[in-house]
Amino acid sequence: MLEFLANVFYENVYLAVGLVSVIPGLESKIAISFGLSQQIWHHSNAVLVLLSAFFSSLVPCVTILLICSLIKKKVSGFVVERWFSKFKEKHKKTFGKLSEGNKTFKKCLALATFVAIPLPLTGVYTGSIIAGLTDLKFWQSFLAISIGKLVSCLIIFLLCVVFENSAFYVFIISLVLLILVVALNLIINSLAFIKKKKRDNYNQTD
């Protein structure tokens, strides 16, 4: 897919970087190293790549926060509640830091820190869903996520520009980490599902 983008947007690397930045899982963590890789693009402006990735990655944040707000107010049902409960259980540590008992500043700091860590599954999408399910106001969530995303972008950016020709290696390592994390999550979820099925069948036989 990334090679396809490079071929299609050969004359506009920044548009390609923006598109990669809004893809769940990839986001700016992949987009910046992708845009700065000389092996993929013959030339690109490092600052424009950084800005394209940063601002594009914030687009899903607004959408997700609005959708979560709508769901909390107007939508209810077994499927939605079950999905939310599973999501909260998976990220219970982060939700604990954003609990109602904590001060707003601490909540925003915890949210920004979560988004700032440039690891798979800790970006804008996950952070926005978490923020959307808390009592933080829209502007508070958006500001915290924006600051966290800026820090994340700068970390990846510095890794790509400090060492000569390091962008391509950062790009490859980021992709490998993403694939490993996704595969590990699939395995864990599959094993949990099989275990639950066996337990349900055992209870039915009793």
Foldseek 3Di string as FASTA:
>chain_A
DLLVLCVVVLVPLLVSLLVQLCDAQRHLLQSLLSSLQCVSHVDDDNVSSLVSRLVSNLVVLLVLLVVLLCCVPPNDDDVVVVVVVVLCVVVVVLLVQLAPVDDLVSNLQSLLQQQQPSAGPSHSVSSSNSVSPGPDDSVSSSVSRSNSSSNNSVVSSCQCPVDPSRSNVSNVVRVVRSVVVVVVVVVVVVVVVVVVVVVVVVVVVD
